Protein backbone atom coordinates (compact mmCIF):
# COMPACT_ATOMS: atom_id res chain seq x y z
CA MET A 1 55.80 64.79 54.21
CA VAL A 2 58.27 64.09 51.60
CA ALA A 3 58.21 61.48 48.90
CA ILE A 4 61.36 60.33 47.14
CA ASP A 5 61.09 58.25 43.86
CA GLY A 6 63.81 56.82 41.85
CA PRO A 7 65.38 53.85 39.93
CA ALA A 8 67.69 51.10 41.66
CA ALA A 9 71.07 52.61 42.88
CA SER A 10 70.05 56.25 41.94
CA GLY A 11 71.11 57.22 45.32
CA LYS A 12 67.56 57.76 46.75
CA GLY A 13 67.67 55.69 49.68
CA THR A 14 71.04 57.22 50.91
CA LEU A 15 69.28 60.62 50.59
CA ALA A 16 66.08 59.61 52.18
CA ARG A 17 67.89 58.48 55.25
CA ARG A 18 69.97 61.71 55.46
CA LEU A 19 67.25 63.92 55.03
CA ALA A 20 65.02 62.21 57.58
CA ASP A 21 67.87 62.51 59.99
CA ARG A 22 68.48 66.34 59.07
CA LEU A 23 64.75 67.26 59.09
CA GLY A 24 63.70 65.18 62.18
CA PHE A 25 61.33 62.93 60.16
CA ALA A 26 60.54 59.32 60.37
CA HIS A 27 62.01 57.29 57.51
CA LEU A 28 60.36 54.36 55.45
CA ASP A 29 61.89 52.34 52.72
CA THR A 30 59.16 51.53 50.91
CA GLY A 31 61.20 48.98 48.76
CA SER A 32 62.43 47.00 51.47
CA LEU A 33 58.58 46.03 51.93
CA TYR A 34 58.58 44.42 48.62
CA ARG A 35 61.87 42.73 49.28
CA ALA A 36 60.41 41.54 52.59
CA VAL A 37 57.77 39.87 50.72
CA GLY A 38 59.87 38.64 47.91
CA LEU A 39 62.11 36.83 50.51
CA ALA A 40 58.95 35.53 52.31
CA VAL A 41 58.01 33.73 49.14
CA ILE A 42 61.43 32.37 48.30
CA ARG A 43 61.87 31.21 51.77
CA GLY A 44 58.67 29.64 51.95
CA GLY A 45 59.75 27.43 48.79
CA GLY A 46 57.58 29.95 46.42
CA ASP A 47 57.89 31.74 43.25
CA PRO A 48 57.94 35.47 43.47
CA GLY A 49 56.08 35.53 40.27
CA ASP A 50 53.44 33.43 41.93
CA ALA A 51 50.75 36.28 42.57
CA ALA A 52 49.05 33.95 45.06
CA ALA A 53 51.93 33.30 46.88
CA ALA A 54 53.05 36.83 46.85
CA THR A 55 49.87 38.16 48.07
CA ALA A 56 49.49 36.15 50.97
CA ALA A 57 53.18 36.96 52.25
CA ALA A 58 51.99 40.87 51.68
CA ARG A 59 49.04 40.51 53.67
CA ALA A 60 51.22 38.34 56.51
CA LEU A 61 53.08 41.36 57.10
CA HIS A 62 52.40 43.29 60.67
CA PRO A 63 53.02 46.54 61.74
CA GLU A 64 54.40 45.14 65.20
CA THR A 65 56.76 42.77 63.44
CA THR A 66 57.78 44.85 60.51
CA PRO A 67 60.87 46.84 61.86
CA ARG A 68 62.51 43.38 62.77
CA VAL A 69 61.51 41.80 59.23
CA LEU A 70 63.07 45.07 57.39
CA ALA A 71 66.11 44.81 59.43
CA ASP A 72 66.91 41.30 58.06
CA PRO A 73 70.58 41.55 56.27
CA ALA A 74 69.26 39.00 53.59
CA LEU A 75 66.83 41.54 51.85
CA ARG A 76 69.94 43.14 50.61
CA GLY A 77 71.04 40.43 48.12
CA ASP A 78 70.05 40.76 44.50
CA GLU A 79 68.09 37.82 44.16
CA ILE A 80 65.84 39.59 46.64
CA ALA A 81 65.91 43.07 44.65
CA ALA A 82 64.95 40.73 41.56
CA ALA A 83 62.23 39.11 43.59
CA ALA A 84 60.64 42.75 44.67
CA SER A 85 60.75 43.79 41.26
CA LYS A 86 58.59 40.60 40.53
CA VAL A 87 55.92 40.76 43.38
CA ALA A 88 55.85 44.71 42.91
CA VAL A 89 53.55 44.06 39.71
CA VAL A 90 51.11 42.10 41.42
CA PRO A 91 47.90 44.46 41.79
CA ALA A 92 46.95 42.57 45.41
CA VAL A 93 50.28 42.70 46.67
CA ARG A 94 50.25 46.77 46.02
CA GLU A 95 47.27 47.05 47.44
CA ALA A 96 47.88 44.95 50.96
CA LEU A 97 51.04 47.42 51.21
CA LEU A 98 49.62 50.65 50.36
CA ALA A 99 47.48 51.15 53.52
CA PHE A 100 50.51 50.72 55.43
CA GLN A 101 52.62 53.03 53.59
CA ARG A 102 50.09 55.80 53.97
CA ASP A 103 49.39 55.18 57.62
CA PHE A 104 53.20 55.70 58.07
CA ALA A 105 52.88 59.18 55.98
CA SER A 106 49.90 60.09 58.06
CA ASN A 107 51.11 58.88 61.34
CA PRO A 108 54.87 58.71 61.84
CA PRO A 109 56.02 56.78 64.41
CA GLY A 110 58.40 58.04 67.60
CA GLY A 111 56.93 61.21 67.59
CA ALA A 112 58.70 62.56 64.33
CA ARG A 113 57.36 66.02 62.94
CA GLY A 114 57.26 64.25 59.44
CA ALA A 115 58.09 61.17 57.19
CA VAL A 116 60.24 60.44 54.41
CA LEU A 117 59.09 57.83 52.15
CA ASP A 118 61.55 56.81 49.17
CA GLY A 119 60.15 53.89 46.76
CA ARG A 120 59.14 53.88 42.83
CA ASP A 121 55.49 55.17 43.29
CA ILE A 122 55.26 57.23 46.10
CA GLY A 123 54.61 60.58 44.50
CA THR A 124 52.33 59.43 42.33
CA ILE A 125 50.38 56.53 43.80
CA VAL A 126 50.91 56.30 47.50
CA CYS A 127 51.37 59.96 48.60
CA PRO A 128 50.25 61.90 45.50
CA GLY A 129 49.76 65.00 47.91
CA ALA A 130 53.15 64.90 49.63
CA ASP A 131 54.24 68.42 50.42
CA ALA A 132 57.63 68.12 48.74
CA LYS A 133 58.38 65.28 45.70
CA LEU A 134 61.77 64.66 44.67
CA PHE A 135 62.60 62.04 41.46
CA VAL A 136 66.23 60.99 42.04
CA THR A 137 67.87 59.55 38.83
CA ALA A 138 71.34 58.84 37.30
CA SER A 139 72.33 57.29 34.27
CA VAL A 140 72.07 53.76 34.16
CA GLU A 141 75.88 53.46 33.37
CA ALA A 142 76.51 55.52 36.70
CA ARG A 143 74.01 53.22 38.57
CA ALA A 144 75.82 50.09 37.44
CA GLU A 145 78.99 51.43 38.40
CA ARG A 146 77.52 51.99 41.81
CA ARG A 147 76.07 48.87 41.96
CA LEU A 148 79.01 46.87 41.21
CA LYS A 149 81.12 48.52 43.62
CA GLU A 150 78.53 47.69 46.24
CA LEU A 151 78.70 43.97 45.47
CA ARG A 152 82.38 44.00 45.24
CA ASP A 153 82.73 45.51 48.63
CA ARG A 154 80.59 42.55 49.79
CA GLY A 155 82.94 40.33 48.49
CA ILE A 156 80.75 38.96 45.55
CA THR A 157 82.25 38.35 42.22
CA VAL A 158 80.47 39.98 39.14
CA ILE A 159 81.35 41.66 36.02
CA TYR A 160 80.33 45.26 34.95
CA ALA A 161 78.14 43.97 31.94
CA ALA A 162 76.06 41.64 33.68
CA VAL A 163 75.53 44.40 36.32
CA LEU A 164 74.46 46.67 33.46
CA GLU A 165 72.26 44.31 31.83
CA ASP A 166 70.39 43.26 35.14
CA MET A 167 69.87 47.19 35.70
CA ARG A 168 68.57 47.80 32.16
CA GLU A 169 66.21 44.80 32.59
CA ARG A 170 64.78 45.84 35.94
CA ASP A 171 64.19 49.83 34.63
CA ALA A 172 62.41 48.06 31.79
CA ARG A 173 60.26 45.89 34.22
CA ASP A 174 59.68 48.79 36.48
CA SER A 175 58.80 51.38 33.88
CA GLN A 176 56.64 49.29 31.80
CA ARG A 177 54.48 47.37 34.31
CA ALA A 178 50.62 48.15 34.08
CA VAL A 179 50.28 48.66 37.59
CA ALA A 180 52.13 52.01 39.16
CA PRO A 181 54.97 52.29 36.68
CA LEU A 182 58.03 54.18 37.75
CA LYS A 183 57.92 57.87 36.43
CA PRO A 184 58.29 61.05 38.10
CA ALA A 185 55.20 62.97 39.73
CA ALA A 186 54.37 65.69 37.43
CA ASP A 187 55.40 67.91 40.30
CA ALA A 188 58.48 66.18 41.17
CA PHE A 189 61.91 67.82 41.42
CA LEU A 190 64.12 65.96 39.15
CA LEU A 191 67.63 65.33 40.80
CA ASP A 192 70.47 63.87 38.66
CA THR A 193 72.76 62.46 40.93
CA SER A 194 75.11 61.26 38.00
CA SER A 195 77.74 63.41 38.84
CA LEU A 196 76.90 64.42 42.62
CA ASN A 197 78.15 63.05 45.70
CA ALA A 198 75.69 62.67 48.66
CA ASP A 199 76.69 65.82 50.37
CA GLN A 200 75.91 67.53 47.09
CA ALA A 201 72.77 65.52 46.46
CA LEU A 202 71.56 66.40 50.31
CA ASP A 203 72.03 69.98 49.72
CA ALA A 204 70.04 70.01 46.44
CA ALA A 205 67.52 68.29 48.10
CA ILE A 206 67.33 70.32 51.16
CA SER A 207 66.87 73.72 48.94
CA PHE A 208 64.10 71.83 47.17
CA ILE A 209 62.38 71.17 50.06
CA SER A 210 62.82 74.42 51.88
CA SER A 211 61.49 76.11 48.82
CA LYS A 212 58.36 73.83 49.24
CA THR A 213 57.80 73.71 52.90
CA GLY A 214 60.11 76.13 54.58
CA LEU A 215 61.69 73.55 56.24
CA SER A 216 65.67 73.18 56.18
CA ASP A 217 66.76 71.17 58.95
CA HIS A 218 65.71 69.75 62.71
CA CYS A 219 67.01 72.83 64.12
CA ALA A 220 64.63 75.01 62.04
């Protein structure tokens, strides 16, 4: 099992998906679970900062319907990303989603031979016994540039300064929260993608995972 953590726009999601494909593993974007909770609260007319509403939404997630929920394009919006960061600080929300994530890691769906989970506390809280742990990061300026491009590609008008400020606020909220703060596990491989493209990041991750597990790709 491979655990990947890191801040927003660090490239961890792209890396996790590509790793899962190369290794023949199942992939779970755990951040999408929190986004789903945030989206459910907003669609229900609630406030993502309301612990009771967020907890109820988290407990309503069901394994059979989760794949459809996580495929909702509305999850990708910045408003939902901010909502996810808010619900993620609620202890009862984290407790409700913890068992789901651990079960996925222990029993990968579809007959996969392993799992790749990416998020913000996989290597420290969710799966501290993971075979390989990576903490993917990049400078806040590089991450803001990536998010700016992503938003503009989607036709959203936004300025760099606003994206950078939002990124800094989210970093502070995620790293300073009392419950499961964003930080690398003591035995995680730190992968700085500031000057790496997706292929270079993948090669570096595969090299590390191979050194820890002996796996290299799905043909191994």
